[in-house]
Each structure stands twice: as structure tokens, then as C-alpha cells.
PDB file of N, CA and C in Angstrom:
ATOM      1  N   MET A   1     -10.035 -23.967   9.961  1.00  0.00           N
ATOM      2  CA  MET A   1      -9.178 -23.251  11.044  1.00  0.00           C
ATOM      3  C   MET A   1      -8.624 -24.570  11.674  1.00  0.00           C
ATOM      4  N   GLY A   2      -7.349 -24.692  12.060  1.00  0.00           N
ATOM      5  CA  GLY A   2      -6.507 -25.649  12.634  1.00  0.00           C
ATOM      6  C   GLY A   2      -5.745 -26.262  12.101  1.00  0.00           C
ATOM      7  N   LYS A   3      -5.410 -26.382  10.814  1.00  0.00           N
ATOM      8  CA  LYS A   3      -4.814 -27.285   9.987  1.00  0.00           C
ATOM      9  C   LYS A   3      -3.969 -26.409   8.903  1.00  0.00           C
ATOM     10  N   VAL A   4      -2.729 -26.736   8.943  1.00  0.00           N
ATOM     11  CA  VAL A   4      -1.657 -26.297   8.006  1.00  0.00           C
ATOM     12  C   VAL A   4      -1.600 -26.864   6.593  1.00  0.00           C
ATOM     13  N   LEU A   5      -2.367 -26.409   5.405  1.00  0.00           N
ATOM     14  CA  LEU A   5      -2.316 -26.910   4.228  1.00  0.00           C
ATOM     15  C   LEU A   5      -0.826 -27.368   3.528  1.00  0.00           C
ATOM     16  N   SER A   6      -0.460 -28.129   2.857  1.00  0.00           N
ATOM     17  CA  SER A   6       0.661 -28.315   2.023  1.00  0.00           C
ATOM     18  C   SER A   6      -0.238 -28.043   0.729  1.00  0.00           C
ATOM     19  N   LEU A   7       0.932 -26.812  -0.095  1.00  0.00           N
ATOM     20  CA  LEU A   7       0.387 -26.734  -1.369  1.00  0.00           C
ATOM     21  C   LEU A   7       1.649 -26.969  -2.368  1.00  0.00           C
ATOM     22  N   ASN A   8       1.249 -27.189  -3.368  1.00  0.00           N
ATOM     23  CA  ASN A   8       2.152 -27.602  -4.761  1.00  0.00           C
ATOM     24  C   ASN A   8       1.610 -26.581  -6.015  1.00  0.00           C
ATOM     25  N   ASN A   9       2.457 -27.362  -6.789  1.00  0.00           N
ATOM     26  CA  ASN A   9       1.629 -26.584  -8.115  1.00  0.00           C
ATOM     27  C   ASN A   9       0.414 -27.010  -8.359  1.00  0.00           C
ATOM     28  N   SER A  10      -0.518 -28.035  -8.361  1.00  0.00           N
ATOM     29  CA  SER A  10      -1.959 -28.286  -8.784  1.00  0.00           C
ATOM     30  C   SER A  10      -3.083 -27.729  -7.747  1.00  0.00           C
ATOM     31  N   ASN A  11      -2.190 -27.224  -6.803  1.00  0.00           N
ATOM     32  CA  ASN A  11      -3.677 -26.706  -5.625  1.00  0.00           C
ATOM     33  C   ASN A  11      -3.292 -25.421  -5.318  1.00  0.00           C
ATOM     34  N   PHE A  12      -1.792 -24.437  -5.687  1.00  0.00           N
ATOM     35  CA  PHE A  12      -1.557 -22.956  -5.005  1.00  0.00           C
ATOM     36  C   PHE A  12      -2.593 -22.356  -5.454  1.00  0.00           C
ATOM     37  N   LYS A  13      -3.150 -22.296  -6.750  1.00  0.00           N
ATOM     38  CA  LYS A  13      -3.991 -21.230  -7.496  1.00  0.00           C
ATOM     39  C   LYS A  13      -5.293 -21.240  -6.594  1.00  0.00           C
ATOM     40  N   GLY A  14      -6.156 -22.650  -6.653  1.00  0.00           N
ATOM     41  CA  GLY A  14      -7.188 -22.641  -6.098  1.00  0.00           C
ATOM     42  C   GLY A  14      -7.224 -22.484  -4.477  1.00  0.00           C
ATOM     43  N   GLU A  15      -6.322 -22.875  -3.576  1.00  0.00           N
ATOM     44  CA  GLU A  15      -6.077 -22.388  -2.445  1.00  0.00           C
ATOM     45  C   GLU A  15      -5.735 -21.340  -1.909  1.00  0.00           C
ATOM     46  N   VAL A  16      -4.808 -20.314  -2.844  1.00  0.00           N
ATOM     47  CA  VAL A  16      -4.513 -19.372  -2.269  1.00  0.00           C
ATOM     48  C   VAL A  16      -4.863 -17.931  -3.359  1.00  0.00           C
ATOM     49  N   ILE A  17      -5.026 -18.167  -4.500  1.00  0.00           N
ATOM     50  CA  ILE A  17      -4.903 -16.992  -5.617  1.00  0.00           C
ATOM     51  C   ILE A  17      -6.880 -16.768  -5.747  1.00  0.00           C
ATOM     52  N   GLU A  18      -7.635 -18.034  -5.704  1.00  0.00           N
ATOM     53  CA  GLU A  18      -9.071 -17.925  -5.728  1.00  0.00           C
ATOM     54  C   GLU A  18      -9.214 -17.791  -4.690  1.00  0.00           C
ATOM     55  N   SER A  19      -8.640 -18.160  -3.514  1.00  0.00           N
ATOM     56  CA  SER A  19      -9.215 -17.932  -2.066  1.00  0.00           C
ATOM     57  C   SER A  19      -9.706 -16.539  -1.618  1.00  0.00           C
ATOM     58  N   LYS A  20     -10.947 -16.553  -0.692  1.00  0.00           N
ATOM     59  CA  LYS A  20     -11.183 -15.216   0.221  1.00  0.00           C
ATOM     60  C   LYS A  20     -10.545 -15.036   1.190  1.00  0.00           C
ATOM     61  N   GLY A  21     -10.037 -13.959   1.647  1.00  0.00           N
ATOM     62  CA  GLY A  21     -10.034 -14.212   3.023  1.00  0.00           C
ATOM     63  C   GLY A  21      -8.442 -14.029   3.080  1.00  0.00           C
ATOM     64  N   LEU A  22      -7.870 -14.239   4.301  1.00  0.00           N
ATOM     65  CA  LEU A  22      -6.181 -14.322   5.101  1.00  0.00           C
ATOM     66  C   LEU A  22      -6.065 -15.315   4.653  1.00  0.00           C
ATOM     67  N   VAL A  23      -4.439 -15.347   3.299  1.00  0.00           N
ATOM     68  CA  VAL A  23      -3.833 -16.798   3.795  1.00  0.00           C
ATOM     69  C   VAL A  23      -2.647 -16.315   3.846  1.00  0.00           C
ATOM     70  N   LEU A  24      -1.663 -17.065   4.902  1.00  0.00           N
ATOM     71  CA  LEU A  24      -0.589 -16.785   4.994  1.00  0.00           C
ATOM     72  C   LEU A  24       0.303 -17.945   3.901  1.00  0.00           C
ATOM     73  N   VAL A  25       0.795 -18.219   3.441  1.00  0.00           N
ATOM     74  CA  VAL A  25       1.661 -18.950   2.541  1.00  0.00           C
ATOM     75  C   VAL A  25       3.472 -19.116   3.455  1.00  0.00           C
ATOM     76  N   ASP A  26       3.732 -20.205   3.774  1.00  0.00           N
ATOM     77  CA  ASP A  26       5.262 -20.293   4.317  1.00  0.00           C
ATOM     78  C   ASP A  26       5.832 -21.375   3.217  1.00  0.00           C
ATOM     79  N   PHE A  27       7.085 -20.446   2.560  1.00  0.00           N
ATOM     80  CA  PHE A  27       7.897 -21.058   1.466  1.00  0.00           C
ATOM     81  C   PHE A  27       9.128 -21.889   2.640  1.00  0.00           C
ATOM     82  N   TRP A  28       9.496 -22.972   2.686  1.00  0.00           N
ATOM     83  CA  TRP A  28      10.432 -24.108   3.668  1.00  0.00           C
ATOM     84  C   TRP A  28      10.776 -24.985   2.513  1.00  0.00           C
ATOM     85  N   ALA A  29      11.809 -25.544   3.389  1.00  0.00           N
ATOM     86  CA  ALA A  29      12.870 -26.809   3.218  1.00  0.00           C
ATOM     87  C   ALA A  29      12.765 -27.378   4.179  1.00  0.00           C
ATOM     88  N   ASP A  30      13.088 -29.088   4.166  1.00  0.00           N
ATOM     89  CA  ASP A  30      13.258 -30.185   4.985  1.00  0.00           C
ATOM     90  C   ASP A  30      14.571 -29.834   5.787  1.00  0.00           C
ATOM     91  N   TRP A  31      15.434 -29.150   4.957  1.00  0.00           N
ATOM     92  CA  TRP A  31      16.989 -28.823   5.364  1.00  0.00           C
ATOM     93  C   TRP A  31      16.966 -27.762   6.003  1.00  0.00           C
ATOM     94  N   CYS A  32      16.396 -26.919   5.960  1.00  0.00           N
ATOM     95  CA  CYS A  32      16.405 -25.567   6.702  1.00  0.00           C
ATOM     96  C   CYS A  32      15.743 -25.631   8.294  1.00  0.00           C
ATOM     97  N   GLY A  33      16.659 -25.435   9.064  1.00  0.00           N
ATOM     98  CA  GLY A  33      16.611 -25.390  10.721  1.00  0.00           C
ATOM     99  C   GLY A  33      15.604 -24.464  10.931  1.00  0.00           C
ATOM    100  N   PRO A  34      15.915 -22.891  10.622  1.00  0.00           N
ATOM    101  CA  PRO A  34      14.486 -22.012  11.149  1.00  0.00           C
ATOM    102  C   PRO A  34      13.249 -22.473  10.768  1.00  0.00           C
ATOM    103  N   CYS A  35      13.069 -23.474   9.720  1.00  0.00           N
ATOM    104  CA  CYS A  35      11.766 -23.468   8.955  1.00  0.00           C
ATOM    105  C   CYS A  35      11.064 -24.775   9.787  1.00  0.00           C
ATOM    106  N   LYS A  36      12.438 -25.567  10.441  1.00  0.00           N
ATOM    107  CA  LYS A  36      11.301 -26.501  11.493  1.00  0.00           C
ATOM    108  C   LYS A  36      11.144 -25.574  12.932  1.00  0.00           C
ATOM    109  N   MET A  37      11.856 -24.841  12.905  1.00  0.00           N
ATOM    110  CA  MET A  37      11.579 -24.267  13.938  1.00  0.00           C
ATOM    111  C   MET A  37      10.056 -23.198  14.284  1.00  0.00           C
ATOM    112  N   LEU A  38      10.079 -22.951  12.906  1.00  0.00           N
ATOM    113  CA  LEU A  38       8.641 -22.226  12.792  1.00  0.00           C
ATOM    114  C   LEU A  38       7.225 -23.077  12.425  1.00  0.00           C
ATOM    115  N   ALA A  39       7.504 -24.191  12.169  1.00  0.00           N
ATOM    116  CA  ALA A  39       6.406 -25.277  11.857  1.00  0.00           C
ATOM    117  C   ALA A  39       5.232 -25.236  12.872  1.00  0.00           C
ATOM    118  N   PRO A  40       5.968 -25.696  14.216  1.00  0.00           N
ATOM    119  CA  PRO A  40       5.139 -25.594  15.481  1.00  0.00           C
ATOM    120  C   PRO A  40       4.217 -24.413  15.614  1.00  0.00           C
ATOM    121  N   ILE A  41       4.780 -23.173  15.482  1.00  0.00           N
ATOM    122  CA  ILE A  41       4.701 -22.138  15.306  1.00  0.00           C
ATOM    123  C   ILE A  41       3.358 -21.772  14.785  1.00  0.00           C
ATOM    124  N   LEU A  42       3.610 -21.784  13.640  1.00  0.00           N
ATOM    125  CA  LEU A  42       2.204 -22.211  12.142  1.00  0.00           C
ATOM    126  C   LEU A  42       1.366 -23.254  12.764  1.00  0.00           C
ATOM    127  N   GLU A  43       1.566 -24.308  13.258  1.00  0.00           N
ATOM    128  CA  GLU A  43       0.647 -25.008  13.864  1.00  0.00           C
ATOM    129  C   GLU A  43      -0.607 -24.470  14.498  1.00  0.00           C
ATOM    130  N   GLU A  44       0.005 -23.617  15.644  1.00  0.00           N
ATOM    131  CA  GLU A  44      -0.528 -22.994  16.715  1.00  0.00           C
ATOM    132  C   GLU A  44      -1.162 -21.892  16.000  1.00  0.00           C
ATOM    133  N   LEU A  45      -0.673 -21.137  15.126  1.00  0.00           N
ATOM    134  CA  LEU A  45      -1.068 -20.092  14.436  1.00  0.00           C
ATOM    135  C   LEU A  45      -2.493 -20.262  13.843  1.00  0.00           C
ATOM    136  N   SER A  46      -2.413 -21.674  13.248  1.00  0.00           N
ATOM    137  CA  SER A  46      -3.695 -21.969  12.400  1.00  0.00           C
ATOM    138  C   SER A  46      -4.843 -22.249  13.693  1.00  0.00           C
ATOM    139  N   GLU A  47      -4.403 -22.380  14.451  1.00  0.00           N
ATOM    140  CA  GLU A  47      -5.896 -22.570  15.599  1.00  0.00           C
ATOM    141  C   GLU A  47      -6.373 -21.391  16.148  1.00  0.00           C
ATOM    142  N   GLU A  48      -5.660 -20.011  16.161  1.00  0.00           N
ATOM    143  CA  GLU A  48      -5.572 -19.096  16.590  1.00  0.00           C
ATOM    144  C   GLU A  48      -6.038 -18.279  15.481  1.00  0.00           C
ATOM    145  N   THR A  49      -6.324 -18.137  14.751  1.00  0.00           N
ATOM    146  CA  THR A  49      -6.659 -17.162  13.715  1.00  0.00           C
ATOM    147  C   THR A  49      -7.531 -17.593  12.531  1.00  0.00           C
ATOM    148  N   GLU A  50      -8.482 -16.812  11.934  1.00  0.00           N
ATOM    149  CA  GLU A  50      -9.049 -17.107  10.479  1.00  0.00           C
ATOM    150  C   GLU A  50      -8.645 -17.512   9.401  1.00  0.00           C
ATOM    151  N   ALA A  51      -7.212 -16.959   9.636  1.00  0.00           N
ATOM    152  CA  ALA A  51      -6.872 -16.907   8.167  1.00  0.00           C
ATOM    153  C   ALA A  51      -5.907 -18.548   7.774  1.00  0.00           C
ATOM    154  N   LYS A  52      -6.131 -18.619   6.181  1.00  0.00           N
ATOM    155  CA  LYS A  52      -5.508 -20.168   6.131  1.00  0.00           C
ATOM    156  C   LYS A  52      -3.921 -19.970   6.402  1.00  0.00           C
ATOM    157  N   ILE A  53      -3.840 -21.033   6.622  1.00  0.00           N
ATOM    158  CA  ILE A  53      -2.056 -21.359   6.782  1.00  0.00           C
ATOM    159  C   ILE A  53      -1.369 -22.343   5.980  1.00  0.00           C
ATOM    160  N   CYS A  54      -0.834 -21.962   5.091  1.00  0.00           N
ATOM    161  CA  CYS A  54      -0.108 -22.978   4.144  1.00  0.00           C
ATOM    162  C   CYS A  54       1.125 -23.079   4.101  1.00  0.00           C
ATOM    163  N   LYS A  55       1.878 -24.410   3.334  1.00  0.00           N
ATOM    164  CA  LYS A  55       3.253 -24.640   3.390  1.00  0.00           C
ATOM    165  C   LYS A  55       3.764 -24.635   2.097  1.00  0.00           C
ATOM    166  N   VAL A  56       4.586 -24.564   1.297  1.00  0.00           N
ATOM    167  CA  VAL A  56       5.330 -24.767   0.425  1.00  0.00           C
ATOM    168  C   VAL A  56       6.442 -25.274   0.305  1.00  0.00           C
ATOM    169  N   ASN A  57       6.929 -26.454  -0.159  1.00  0.00           N
ATOM    170  CA  ASN A  57       8.296 -26.765   0.106  1.00  0.00           C
ATOM    171  C   ASN A  57       9.048 -26.492  -1.148  1.00  0.00           C
ATOM    172  N   VAL A  58       9.684 -25.639  -1.037  1.00  0.00           N
ATOM    173  CA  VAL A  58      10.682 -25.176  -2.175  1.00  0.00           C
ATOM    174  C   VAL A  58      11.544 -26.023  -2.782  1.00  0.00           C
ATOM    175  N   ASP A  59      11.770 -27.463  -2.316  1.00  0.00           N
ATOM    176  CA  ASP A  59      12.648 -28.144  -3.437  1.00  0.00           C
ATOM    177  C   ASP A  59      11.598 -29.194  -4.082  1.00  0.00           C
ATOM    178  N   GLU A  60      10.479 -29.106  -3.632  1.00  0.00           N
ATOM    179  CA  GLU A  60       9.418 -29.895  -4.586  1.00  0.00           C
ATOM    180  C   GLU A  60       8.803 -28.939  -5.417  1.00  0.00           C
ATOM    181  N   SER A  61       8.637 -27.216  -5.072  1.00  0.00           N
ATOM    182  CA  SER A  61       7.945 -26.690  -5.988  1.00  0.00           C
ATOM    183  C   SER A  61       8.504 -25.410  -6.443  1.00  0.00           C
ATOM    184  N   GLY A  62       9.672 -25.570  -6.581  1.00  0.00           N
ATOM    185  CA  GLY A  62      10.808 -24.516  -7.084  1.00  0.00           C
ATOM    186  C   GLY A  62      10.306 -23.442  -7.968  1.00  0.00           C
ATOM    187  N   ASP A  63       9.394 -23.834  -9.081  1.00  0.00           N
ATOM    188  CA  ASP A  63       8.823 -22.924  -9.484  1.00  0.00           C
ATOM    189  C   ASP A  63       7.832 -21.480  -8.885  1.00  0.00           C
ATOM    190  N   LEU A  64       7.003 -22.624  -7.624  1.00  0.00           N
ATOM    191  CA  LEU A  64       6.499 -21.402  -7.298  1.00  0.00           C
ATOM    192  C   LEU A  64       7.043 -20.446  -6.573  1.00  0.00           C
ATOM    193  N   ALA A  65       8.464 -21.013  -5.752  1.00  0.00           N
ATOM    194  CA  ALA A  65       9.306 -19.891  -5.171  1.00  0.00           C
ATOM    195  C   ALA A  65       9.747 -19.090  -6.060  1.00  0.00           C
ATOM    196  N   GLY A  66      10.335 -19.505  -7.207  1.00  0.00           N
ATOM    197  CA  GLY A  66      10.702 -18.401  -8.088  1.00  0.00           C
ATOM    198  C   GLY A  66       9.871 -17.737  -8.783  1.00  0.00           C
ATOM    199  N   ASP A  67       8.352 -18.061  -8.639  1.00  0.00           N
ATOM    200  CA  ASP A  67       7.533 -16.808  -8.948  1.00  0.00           C
ATOM    201  C   ASP A  67       7.362 -15.781  -8.038  1.00  0.00           C
ATOM    202  N   TYR A  68       7.711 -16.140  -7.135  1.00  0.00           N
ATOM    203  CA  TYR A  68       7.508 -15.236  -5.604  1.00  0.00           C
ATOM    204  C   TYR A  68       8.632 -14.552  -5.426  1.00  0.00           C
ATOM    205  N   GLY A  69       9.699 -14.653  -6.102  1.00  0.00           N
ATOM    206  CA  GLY A  69      11.369 -14.604  -5.976  1.00  0.00           C
ATOM    207  C   GLY A  69      11.684 -14.727  -4.587  1.00  0.00           C
ATOM    208  N   ILE A  70      11.105 -15.798  -4.330  1.00  0.00           N
ATOM    209  CA  ILE A  70      11.933 -16.455  -2.544  1.00  0.00           C
ATOM    210  C   ILE A  70      13.425 -16.708  -2.887  1.00  0.00           C
ATOM    211  N   ARG A  71      13.972 -15.846  -1.941  1.00  0.00           N
ATOM    212  CA  ARG A  71      15.488 -16.024  -2.429  1.00  0.00           C
ATOM    213  C   ARG A  71      16.309 -16.734  -0.855  1.00  0.00           C
ATOM    214  N   SER A  72      15.264 -16.694   0.382  1.00  0.00           N
ATOM    215  CA  SER A  72      15.783 -17.278   1.228  1.00  0.00           C
ATOM    216  C   SER A  72      14.497 -17.536   2.004  1.00  0.00           C
ATOM    217  N   ILE A  73      15.114 -18.447   3.370  1.00  0.00           N
ATOM    218  CA  ILE A  73      13.999 -19.301   3.785  1.00  0.00           C
ATOM    219  C   ILE A  73      14.174 -19.266   4.968  1.00  0.00           C
ATOM    220  N   PRO A  74      13.288 -19.458   6.131  1.00  0.00           N
ATOM    221  CA  PRO A  74      11.863 -19.360   5.255  1.00  0.00           C
ATOM    222  C   PRO A  74      11.174 -17.892   5.164  1.00  0.00           C
ATOM    223  N   THR A  75      10.463 -17.778   4.025  1.00  0.00           N
ATOM    224  CA  THR A  75       9.535 -16.574   3.823  1.00  0.00           C
ATOM    225  C   THR A  75       8.318 -16.956   4.103  1.00  0.00           C
ATOM    226  N   MET A  76       7.525 -15.965   4.511  1.00  0.00           N
ATOM    227  CA  MET A  76       6.153 -15.955   4.540  1.00  0.00           C
ATOM    228  C   MET A  76       5.560 -14.998   3.487  1.00  0.00           C
ATOM    229  N   ILE A  77       4.552 -15.003   2.857  1.00  0.00           N
ATOM    230  CA  ILE A  77       3.439 -14.263   2.170  1.00  0.00           C
ATOM    231  C   ILE A  77       2.408 -14.319   2.510  1.00  0.00           C
ATOM    232  N   ILE A  78       1.583 -13.275   2.544  1.00  0.00           N
ATOM    233  CA  ILE A  78       0.368 -13.058   3.205  1.00  0.00           C
ATOM    234  C   ILE A  78      -0.491 -12.605   1.909  1.00  0.00           C
ATOM    235  N   PHE A  79      -1.565 -13.407   1.657  1.00  0.00           N
ATOM    236  CA  PHE A  79      -2.317 -13.099   0.242  1.00  0.00           C
ATOM    237  C   PHE A  79      -3.838 -12.411   0.945  1.00  0.00           C
ATOM    238  N   LYS A  80      -4.113 -11.406   0.440  1.00  0.00           N
ATOM    239  CA  LYS A  80      -5.580 -11.125   0.930  1.00  0.00           C
ATOM    240  C   LYS A  80      -6.255 -11.171  -0.334  1.00  0.00           C
ATOM    241  N   ASP A  81      -7.627 -12.158  -0.309  1.00  0.00           N
ATOM    242  CA  ASP A  81      -8.305 -11.929  -1.488  1.00  0.00           C
ATOM    243  C   ASP A  81      -7.617 -12.302  -2.673  1.00  0.00           C
ATOM    244  N   GLY A  82      -6.470 -13.186  -2.389  1.00  0.00           N
ATOM    245  CA  GLY A  82      -5.607 -13.436  -3.723  1.00  0.00           C
ATOM    246  C   GLY A  82      -4.624 -12.532  -3.928  1.00  0.00           C
ATOM    247  N   VAL A  83      -4.497 -11.593  -3.437  1.00  0.00           N
ATOM    248  CA  VAL A  83      -3.302 -10.598  -3.709  1.00  0.00           C
ATOM    249  C   VAL A  83      -2.576 -10.649  -2.899  1.00  0.00           C
ATOM    250  N   LYS A  84      -1.161 -10.589  -3.228  1.00  0.00           N
ATOM    251  CA  LYS A  84      -0.263 -10.550  -2.114  1.00  0.00           C
ATOM    252  C   LYS A  84      -0.214  -9.117  -1.548  1.00  0.00           C
ATOM    253  N   VAL A  85      -0.289  -9.221   0.226  1.00  0.00           N
ATOM    254  CA  VAL A  85      -0.431  -7.929   0.391  1.00  0.00           C
ATOM    255  C   VAL A  85       1.260  -7.668   1.348  1.00  0.00           C
ATOM    256  N   ASP A  86       1.575  -8.650   1.803  1.00  0.00           N
ATOM    257  CA  ASP A  86       3.029  -8.765   2.548  1.00  0.00           C
ATOM    258  C   ASP A  86       4.040  -9.734   2.488  1.00  0.00           C
ATOM    259  N   GLN A  87       5.140  -9.163   2.811  1.00  0.00           N
ATOM    260  CA  GLN A  87       6.111 -10.614   2.888  1.00  0.00           C
ATOM    261  C   GLN A  87       7.070 -10.374   4.406  1.00  0.00           C
ATOM    262  N   ILE A  88       7.195 -11.654   4.589  1.00  0.00           N
ATOM    263  CA  ILE A  88       7.799 -11.847   5.892  1.00  0.00           C
ATOM    264  C   ILE A  88       8.987 -12.607   5.836  1.00  0.00           C
ATOM    265  N   VAL A  89      10.095 -12.420   5.835  1.00  0.00           N
ATOM    266  CA  VAL A  89      11.739 -13.451   5.723  1.00  0.00           C
ATOM    267  C   VAL A  89      11.990 -13.115   7.160  1.00  0.00           C
ATOM    268  N   GLY A  90      12.368 -14.702   7.371  1.00  0.00           N
ATOM    269  CA  GLY A  90      13.131 -15.118   8.489  1.00  0.00           C
ATOM    270  C   GLY A  90      12.335 -15.661   9.248  1.00  0.00           C
ATOM    271  N   LEU A  91      12.532 -16.362  10.781  1.00  0.00           N
ATOM    272  CA  LEU A  91      11.929 -17.059  11.836  1.00  0.00           C
ATOM    273  C   LEU A  91      11.536 -15.705  12.618  1.00  0.00           C
ATOM    274  N   ARG A  92      10.067 -15.669  12.999  1.00  0.00           N
ATOM    275  CA  ARG A  92       9.288 -14.783  13.359  1.00  0.00           C
ATOM    276  C   ARG A  92       8.550 -15.463  14.703  1.00  0.00           C
ATOM    277  N   GLN A  93       8.223 -14.696  15.817  1.00  0.00           N
ATOM    278  CA  GLN A  93       7.247 -15.122  16.986  1.00  0.00           C
ATOM    279  C   GLN A  93       5.765 -15.291  16.417  1.00  0.00           C
ATOM    280  N   LYS A  94       5.247 -16.293  17.286  1.00  0.00           N
ATOM    281  CA  LYS A  94       3.774 -16.295  17.085  1.00  0.00           C
ATOM    282  C   LYS A  94       3.189 -14.996  17.177  1.00  0.00           C
ATOM    283  N   SER A  95       3.552 -14.192  18.441  1.00  0.00           N
ATOM    284  CA  SER A  95       2.506 -12.927  18.607  1.00  0.00           C
ATOM    285  C   SER A  95       2.940 -11.916  17.387  1.00  0.00           C
ATOM    286  N   GLU A  96       3.887 -11.768  17.005  1.00  0.00           N
ATOM    287  CA  GLU A  96       4.277 -10.988  15.608  1.00  0.00           C
ATOM    288  C   GLU A  96       3.443 -11.310  14.512  1.00  0.00           C
ATOM    289  N   LEU A  97       3.519 -12.497  14.196  1.00  0.00           N
ATOM    290  CA  LEU A  97       2.850 -13.279  12.877  1.00  0.00           C
ATOM    291  C   LEU A  97       0.851 -12.570  13.016  1.00  0.00           C
ATOM    292  N   LEU A  98       0.878 -13.166  14.345  1.00  0.00           N
ATOM    293  CA  LEU A  98      -0.612 -12.641  14.744  1.00  0.00           C
ATOM    294  C   LEU A  98      -0.927 -11.553  14.292  1.00  0.00           C
ATOM    295  N   GLU A  99       0.068 -10.471  14.939  1.00  0.00           N
ATOM    296  CA  GLU A  99      -0.304  -9.223  14.996  1.00  0.00           C
ATOM    297  C   GLU A  99      -0.232  -8.664  13.524  1.00  0.00           C
ATOM    298  N   LYS A 100       0.542  -9.003  12.416  1.00  0.00           N
ATOM    299  CA  LYS A 100       0.525  -8.668  11.462  1.00  0.00           C
ATOM    300  C   LYS A 100      -0.782  -9.258  10.608  1.00  0.00           C
ATOM    301  N   LEU A 101      -1.211 -10.470  10.620  1.00  0.00           N
ATOM    302  CA  LEU A 101      -2.336 -11.189   9.967  1.00  0.00           C
ATOM    303  C   LEU A 101      -3.668  -9.940  10.625  1.00  0.00           C
ATOM    304  N   ASN A 102      -3.788  -9.853  11.973  1.00  0.00           N
ATOM    305  CA  ASN A 102      -4.810  -9.105  12.548  1.00  0.00           C
ATOM    306  C   ASN A 102      -4.705  -7.446  12.020  1.00  0.00           C
ATOM    307  N   SER A 103      -3.667  -7.060  11.373  1.00  0.00           N
ATOM    308  CA  SER A 103      -3.890  -6.077  10.852  1.00  0.00           C
ATOM    309  C   SER A 103      -4.410  -5.703   9.235  1.00  0.00           C
ATOM    310  N   TYR A 104      -4.709  -7.043   8.672  1.00  0.00           N
ATOM    311  CA  TYR A 104      -5.407  -6.929   7.803  1.00  0.00           C
ATOM    312  C   TYR A 104      -6.849  -7.429   7.959  1.00  0.00           C
TER     313      TYR A 104
END
């Protein structure tokens, strides 16, 4: 708890697909304004939830973004026990994200 993990092709499967529990994966890019606004929210969220919070830079891991049909960023995908259960597109408030995670 309390750390946002940076993911890429080499560690995505192990940290997300083979992981038990909830994982929120944020697909983002350095040049994306809303993504930069979301970053501190995700840091706070990582301190307040048992869910694993991860980030994938779409410029560095474009094939992962393609695998999940990411067309706009920020897009967050929630996985439960390695299975995609939800997708959130766009900047969201911490309370909304916390509520969404707590619903699983």
C-alpha cells in the first residue's frame, strides 16, 4: 500500500494478470494534461485503499494500450483477480475512484 507501480511489457502480466485482489491500471502519457492532474490523486488513493495502483505510459508501452483498446487518456482499467471488471475514461475525483474500487 502507498506506492504507485510503473508497469511495462515485462512486468504487466505478473503485477496485474497474475495478481490477486484489485488492481487499478492508469494508462497515461507525459504530454497529457489531465494525466498529470490525475497523478497526485492516484498517489493519495494508493495510501487509502488496499487496491494496487499502477501506471502504464502509452508512449513507452503502446502495445499494452493497444491490447486493451485504449483510445483516449487517461483511461483506468480495474482488474479483479487478473480479470478486467471496469474501465474509467477521463479525469476523475479521488472520491469517485475510491467509491468505484470499494464496489468490488
